Amino acid sequence: MLSKGTHYSVYLVFKRASSRSYGFDHTPIETEVGFTGKEVRKTRERESGGNVEEPKERSDKWSEVKLGSFYIDDGGCDDGDEVEVAIMETRMGQWKSGLVFQGIEIRPVKEEEVTK
């Protein structure tokens, strides 16, 4: 149930499994957020830093990272519309291990934050 006329941000919530986590440091990723079957917004992190935000630790000891955002116009969305989220790393080709995913959170963005 998403509201029309609203901007949303999409976050991945995760933890690293102690010292067994590897393959994630300094690895460029690409994310996609949008509606299935329609144009998606891609965000690329370049090796020098780029557009993808750094993960932030939350007070509940999980970490989160913003993957992207989307807007539902005043026409709203249909019952069959699905939000698609993708996280890819295809340049380094390293095995990755040690992340525990809690899930994906979709949050409305406050109006004053939209222009930032």
N, C-alpha and C. Protein backbone atom coordinates (compact mmCIF):
# COMPACT_ATOMS: atom_id res chain seq x y z
N MET A 1 0.84 -1.17 0.00
CA MET A 1 0.00 0.00 0.00
C MET A 1 0.89 1.24 0.00
N LEU A 2 1.13 1.77 -1.17
CA LEU A 2 1.95 2.97 -1.31
C LEU A 2 1.05 4.14 -1.70
N SER A 3 1.35 5.30 -1.17
CA SER A 3 0.51 6.48 -1.39
C SER A 3 0.89 7.21 -2.67
N LYS A 4 -0.12 7.70 -3.38
CA LYS A 4 0.16 8.48 -4.59
C LYS A 4 0.69 9.85 -4.21
N GLY A 5 1.45 10.44 -5.14
CA GLY A 5 2.04 11.74 -4.90
C GLY A 5 3.14 11.72 -3.84
N THR A 6 3.83 10.58 -3.72
CA THR A 6 4.82 10.42 -2.66
C THR A 6 6.14 9.91 -3.21
N HIS A 7 7.24 10.47 -2.71
CA HIS A 7 8.58 9.99 -3.00
C HIS A 7 8.95 8.94 -1.95
N TYR A 8 9.61 7.87 -2.38
CA TYR A 8 10.05 6.81 -1.47
C TYR A 8 11.53 6.54 -1.65
N SER A 9 12.20 6.15 -0.56
CA SER A 9 13.58 5.68 -0.60
C SER A 9 13.58 4.22 -0.21
N VAL A 10 14.52 3.46 -0.80
CA VAL A 10 14.61 2.02 -0.57
C VAL A 10 15.94 1.73 0.12
N TYR A 11 15.89 0.98 1.22
CA TYR A 11 17.07 0.65 2.01
C TYR A 11 17.23 -0.85 2.16
N LEU A 12 18.47 -1.32 2.11
CA LEU A 12 18.81 -2.69 2.44
C LEU A 12 19.26 -2.70 3.89
N VAL A 13 18.69 -3.59 4.72
CA VAL A 13 19.04 -3.71 6.12
C VAL A 13 19.79 -5.03 6.30
N PHE A 14 20.99 -4.96 6.89
CA PHE A 14 21.85 -6.15 6.98
C PHE A 14 22.81 -6.07 8.15
N LYS A 15 23.46 -7.21 8.44
CA LYS A 15 24.55 -7.31 9.40
C LYS A 15 25.67 -8.09 8.76
N ARG A 16 26.88 -7.83 9.21
CA ARG A 16 28.01 -8.66 8.82
C ARG A 16 28.17 -9.76 9.85
N ALA A 17 28.43 -10.97 9.40
CA ALA A 17 28.58 -12.12 10.29
C ALA A 17 30.01 -12.17 10.81
N SER A 18 30.31 -11.38 11.81
CA SER A 18 31.61 -11.25 12.48
C SER A 18 32.78 -11.24 11.51
N SER A 19 33.78 -12.03 11.77
CA SER A 19 35.01 -11.99 10.96
C SER A 19 34.89 -12.83 9.68
N ARG A 20 33.77 -13.50 9.49
CA ARG A 20 33.60 -14.35 8.30
C ARG A 20 33.12 -13.58 7.09
N SER A 21 32.98 -12.28 7.20
CA SER A 21 32.51 -11.46 6.09
C SER A 21 33.68 -11.07 5.21
N TYR A 22 33.56 -11.36 3.90
CA TYR A 22 34.60 -10.92 2.98
C TYR A 22 34.03 -10.70 1.60
N GLY A 23 34.79 -9.93 0.79
CA GLY A 23 34.40 -9.68 -0.59
C GLY A 23 33.56 -8.44 -0.79
N PHE A 24 33.39 -7.62 0.27
CA PHE A 24 32.55 -6.44 0.16
C PHE A 24 33.31 -5.13 0.25
N ASP A 25 34.48 -5.13 0.84
CA ASP A 25 35.24 -3.89 1.00
C ASP A 25 35.77 -3.42 -0.34
N HIS A 26 35.57 -2.14 -0.62
CA HIS A 26 36.09 -1.49 -1.83
C HIS A 26 35.62 -2.17 -3.11
N THR A 27 34.42 -2.73 -3.08
CA THR A 27 33.86 -3.40 -4.25
C THR A 27 32.76 -2.54 -4.84
N PRO A 28 32.93 -2.05 -6.07
CA PRO A 28 31.87 -1.23 -6.68
C PRO A 28 30.60 -2.05 -6.91
N ILE A 29 29.45 -1.43 -6.66
CA ILE A 29 28.18 -2.10 -6.90
C ILE A 29 27.28 -1.22 -7.75
N GLU A 30 26.25 -1.83 -8.30
CA GLU A 30 25.23 -1.11 -9.05
C GLU A 30 23.89 -1.50 -8.46
N THR A 31 23.01 -0.53 -8.26
CA THR A 31 21.68 -0.83 -7.76
C THR A 31 20.64 -0.32 -8.75
N GLU A 32 19.49 -0.97 -8.74
CA GLU A 32 18.36 -0.55 -9.57
C GLU A 32 17.11 -0.55 -8.72
N VAL A 33 16.32 0.51 -8.83
CA VAL A 33 15.06 0.62 -8.11
C VAL A 33 14.03 1.17 -9.07
N GLY A 34 12.87 0.53 -9.14
CA GLY A 34 11.80 1.02 -10.01
C GLY A 34 10.66 0.03 -10.07
N PHE A 35 9.75 0.26 -10.97
CA PHE A 35 8.61 -0.63 -11.14
C PHE A 35 8.92 -1.69 -12.19
N THR A 36 8.57 -2.93 -11.92
CA THR A 36 8.80 -4.03 -12.83
C THR A 36 8.15 -3.75 -14.17
N GLY A 37 8.94 -3.92 -15.24
CA GLY A 37 8.44 -3.71 -16.59
C GLY A 37 8.47 -2.27 -17.04
N LYS A 38 8.92 -1.37 -16.18
CA LYS A 38 9.03 0.04 -16.53
C LYS A 38 10.47 0.47 -16.33
N GLU A 39 10.79 1.69 -16.71
CA GLU A 39 12.15 2.19 -16.56
C GLU A 39 12.56 2.20 -15.09
N VAL A 40 13.76 1.70 -14.81
CA VAL A 40 14.27 1.70 -13.44
C VAL A 40 15.39 2.72 -13.33
N ARG A 41 15.59 3.22 -12.12
CA ARG A 41 16.69 4.17 -11.86
C ARG A 41 17.90 3.38 -11.42
N LYS A 42 19.00 3.58 -12.13
CA LYS A 42 20.24 2.89 -11.78
C LYS A 42 21.14 3.85 -11.01
N THR A 43 21.81 3.32 -10.01
CA THR A 43 22.81 4.07 -9.27
C THR A 43 24.07 3.24 -9.28
N ARG A 44 25.15 3.85 -9.70
CA ARG A 44 26.42 3.14 -9.76
C ARG A 44 27.38 3.73 -8.75
N GLU A 45 28.11 2.85 -8.09
CA GLU A 45 29.19 3.30 -7.24
C GLU A 45 30.47 3.05 -8.00
N ARG A 46 31.19 4.12 -8.25
CA ARG A 46 32.48 3.97 -8.91
C ARG A 46 33.52 3.57 -7.89
N GLU A 47 34.64 3.08 -8.34
CA GLU A 47 35.68 2.64 -7.42
C GLU A 47 36.17 3.77 -6.54
N SER A 48 36.04 5.01 -6.97
CA SER A 48 36.51 6.14 -6.17
C SER A 48 35.46 6.63 -5.17
N GLY A 49 34.32 5.97 -5.08
CA GLY A 49 33.30 6.40 -4.12
C GLY A 49 31.94 6.44 -4.75
N GLY A 50 31.72 7.38 -5.63
CA GLY A 50 30.51 7.39 -6.44
C GLY A 50 29.26 7.82 -5.73
N ASN A 51 28.12 7.33 -6.23
CA ASN A 51 26.81 7.81 -5.81
C ASN A 51 26.14 6.97 -4.73
N VAL A 52 26.55 5.73 -4.58
CA VAL A 52 25.91 4.88 -3.58
C VAL A 52 26.43 5.28 -2.20
N GLU A 53 25.52 5.45 -1.27
CA GLU A 53 25.90 5.88 0.07
C GLU A 53 26.62 4.76 0.81
N GLU A 54 27.43 5.15 1.77
CA GLU A 54 28.08 4.19 2.64
C GLU A 54 27.05 3.65 3.63
N PRO A 55 27.17 2.37 4.02
CA PRO A 55 26.25 1.83 5.03
C PRO A 55 26.38 2.59 6.35
N LYS A 56 25.27 2.69 7.06
CA LYS A 56 25.25 3.35 8.37
C LYS A 56 24.74 2.35 9.40
N GLU A 57 25.40 2.31 10.56
CA GLU A 57 24.92 1.43 11.62
C GLU A 57 23.76 2.09 12.34
N ARG A 58 22.71 1.30 12.58
CA ARG A 58 21.52 1.80 13.27
C ARG A 58 21.62 1.50 14.76
N SER A 59 20.74 2.07 15.54
CA SER A 59 20.75 1.86 16.99
C SER A 59 20.42 0.41 17.37
N ASP A 60 19.76 -0.33 16.47
CA ASP A 60 19.43 -1.73 16.75
C ASP A 60 20.55 -2.69 16.33
N LYS A 61 21.72 -2.15 16.01
CA LYS A 61 22.93 -2.90 15.64
C LYS A 61 22.89 -3.49 14.23
N TRP A 62 21.83 -3.27 13.49
CA TRP A 62 21.80 -3.62 12.07
C TRP A 62 22.38 -2.43 11.31
N SER A 63 22.84 -2.66 10.10
CA SER A 63 23.30 -1.58 9.23
C SER A 63 22.30 -1.40 8.10
N GLU A 64 22.29 -0.21 7.50
CA GLU A 64 21.42 0.03 6.36
C GLU A 64 22.17 0.85 5.33
N VAL A 65 21.79 0.64 4.08
CA VAL A 65 22.36 1.42 3.00
C VAL A 65 21.23 1.76 2.03
N LYS A 66 21.21 3.01 1.59
CA LYS A 66 20.18 3.45 0.65
C LYS A 66 20.52 2.92 -0.73
N LEU A 67 19.55 2.25 -1.36
CA LEU A 67 19.76 1.66 -2.68
C LEU A 67 19.24 2.55 -3.80
N GLY A 68 18.27 3.39 -3.51
CA GLY A 68 17.70 4.24 -4.54
C GLY A 68 16.38 4.81 -4.09
N SER A 69 15.66 5.38 -5.04
CA SER A 69 14.39 6.01 -4.71
C SER A 69 13.46 5.94 -5.92
N PHE A 70 12.18 6.19 -5.67
CA PHE A 70 11.20 6.24 -6.75
C PHE A 70 10.05 7.14 -6.32
N TYR A 71 9.22 7.50 -7.28
CA TYR A 71 8.10 8.40 -7.04
C TYR A 71 6.82 7.78 -7.58
N ILE A 72 5.77 7.87 -6.81
CA ILE A 72 4.44 7.45 -7.28
C ILE A 72 3.67 8.72 -7.58
N ASP A 73 3.35 8.92 -8.86
CA ASP A 73 2.68 10.16 -9.25
C ASP A 73 1.23 10.19 -8.76
N ASP A 74 0.54 11.26 -9.08
CA ASP A 74 -0.83 11.44 -8.59
C ASP A 74 -1.80 10.41 -9.15
N GLY A 75 -1.40 9.69 -10.19
CA GLY A 75 -2.24 8.62 -10.72
C GLY A 75 -2.17 7.37 -9.86
N GLY A 76 -1.20 7.35 -8.93
CA GLY A 76 -1.04 6.19 -8.06
C GLY A 76 -0.42 5.03 -8.81
N CYS A 77 -0.56 3.85 -8.26
CA CYS A 77 -0.08 2.65 -8.94
C CYS A 77 -1.19 1.62 -8.93
N ASP A 78 -1.13 0.72 -9.89
CA ASP A 78 -2.14 -0.31 -10.02
C ASP A 78 -1.89 -1.43 -9.01
N ASP A 79 -2.92 -2.22 -8.73
CA ASP A 79 -2.78 -3.32 -7.80
C ASP A 79 -1.71 -4.31 -8.23
N GLY A 80 -1.49 -4.44 -9.52
CA GLY A 80 -0.52 -5.40 -10.03
C GLY A 80 0.90 -4.86 -10.12
N ASP A 81 1.11 -3.57 -9.85
CA ASP A 81 2.46 -2.99 -9.93
C ASP A 81 3.35 -3.56 -8.85
N GLU A 82 4.59 -3.86 -9.22
CA GLU A 82 5.57 -4.38 -8.28
C GLU A 82 6.81 -3.51 -8.31
N VAL A 83 7.39 -3.23 -7.14
CA VAL A 83 8.64 -2.50 -7.05
C VAL A 83 9.76 -3.52 -7.19
N GLU A 84 10.71 -3.19 -8.06
CA GLU A 84 11.85 -4.06 -8.33
C GLU A 84 13.11 -3.43 -7.75
N VAL A 85 13.88 -4.23 -7.00
CA VAL A 85 15.13 -3.78 -6.41
C VAL A 85 16.21 -4.78 -6.79
N ALA A 86 17.35 -4.28 -7.28
CA ALA A 86 18.45 -5.16 -7.66
C ALA A 86 19.76 -4.59 -7.12
N ILE A 87 20.62 -5.48 -6.66
CA ILE A 87 21.97 -5.12 -6.21
C ILE A 87 22.92 -6.04 -6.95
N MET A 88 23.85 -5.44 -7.69
CA MET A 88 24.74 -6.26 -8.52
C MET A 88 26.19 -5.82 -8.36
N GLU A 89 27.07 -6.78 -8.43
CA GLU A 89 28.50 -6.52 -8.50
C GLU A 89 29.04 -7.45 -9.57
N THR A 90 29.46 -6.88 -10.68
CA THR A 90 29.88 -7.72 -11.80
C THR A 90 31.30 -7.45 -12.26
N ARG A 91 31.95 -6.46 -11.67
CA ARG A 91 33.29 -6.11 -12.15
C ARG A 91 34.41 -6.89 -11.49
N MET A 92 34.31 -7.12 -10.18
CA MET A 92 35.41 -7.74 -9.45
C MET A 92 35.39 -9.27 -9.56
N GLY A 93 34.21 -9.87 -9.59
CA GLY A 93 34.10 -11.31 -9.72
C GLY A 93 34.59 -12.09 -8.51
N GLN A 94 34.61 -11.47 -7.33
CA GLN A 94 35.05 -12.16 -6.12
C GLN A 94 33.87 -12.84 -5.45
N TRP A 95 34.14 -13.97 -4.78
CA TRP A 95 33.14 -14.59 -3.96
C TRP A 95 32.85 -13.68 -2.79
N LYS A 96 31.63 -13.72 -2.31
CA LYS A 96 31.22 -12.90 -1.18
C LYS A 96 30.60 -13.81 -0.14
N SER A 97 30.86 -13.45 1.12
CA SER A 97 30.34 -14.27 2.20
C SER A 97 30.15 -13.43 3.44
N GLY A 98 29.21 -13.83 4.28
CA GLY A 98 29.11 -13.26 5.60
C GLY A 98 28.14 -12.13 5.81
N LEU A 99 27.19 -11.91 4.90
CA LEU A 99 26.16 -10.91 5.15
C LEU A 99 24.87 -11.62 5.54
N VAL A 100 24.19 -11.06 6.52
CA VAL A 100 22.88 -11.55 6.93
C VAL A 100 21.88 -10.44 6.60
N PHE A 101 20.92 -10.73 5.74
CA PHE A 101 19.95 -9.73 5.32
C PHE A 101 18.70 -9.81 6.19
N GLN A 102 18.32 -8.67 6.76
CA GLN A 102 17.05 -8.61 7.48
C GLN A 102 15.93 -8.34 6.49
N GLY A 103 16.21 -7.50 5.49
CA GLY A 103 15.19 -7.23 4.48
C GLY A 103 15.40 -5.90 3.79
N ILE A 104 14.40 -5.52 3.02
CA ILE A 104 14.37 -4.27 2.28
C ILE A 104 13.29 -3.40 2.93
N GLU A 105 13.62 -2.14 3.22
CA GLU A 105 12.64 -1.21 3.76
C GLU A 105 12.35 -0.13 2.73
N ILE A 106 11.07 0.14 2.52
CA ILE A 106 10.62 1.21 1.62
C ILE A 106 9.99 2.26 2.51
N ARG A 107 10.59 3.47 2.50
CA ARG A 107 10.14 4.53 3.40
C ARG A 107 9.74 5.78 2.62
N PRO A 108 8.66 6.44 3.05
CA PRO A 108 8.32 7.72 2.41
C PRO A 108 9.38 8.76 2.77
N VAL A 109 9.64 9.65 1.83
CA VAL A 109 10.63 10.71 2.04
C VAL A 109 9.88 11.98 2.42
N LYS A 110 10.38 12.66 3.44
CA LYS A 110 9.78 13.93 3.84
C LYS A 110 9.97 14.94 2.73
N GLU A 111 8.98 15.79 2.54
CA GLU A 111 8.99 16.74 1.42
C GLU A 111 10.24 17.60 1.38
N GLU A 112 10.74 18.04 2.54
CA GLU A 112 11.93 18.89 2.56
C GLU A 112 13.20 18.12 2.17
N GLU A 113 13.17 16.80 2.25
CA GLU A 113 14.32 15.99 1.87
C GLU A 113 14.35 15.66 0.38
N VAL A 114 13.26 15.84 -0.31
CA VAL A 114 13.15 15.49 -1.73
C VAL A 114 14.10 16.31 -2.58
N THR A 115 14.27 17.56 -2.28
CA THR A 115 15.11 18.44 -3.10
C THR A 115 16.60 18.32 -2.81
N LYS A 116 16.97 17.58 -1.78
CA LYS A 116 18.39 17.41 -1.44
C LYS A 116 19.10 16.52 -2.41
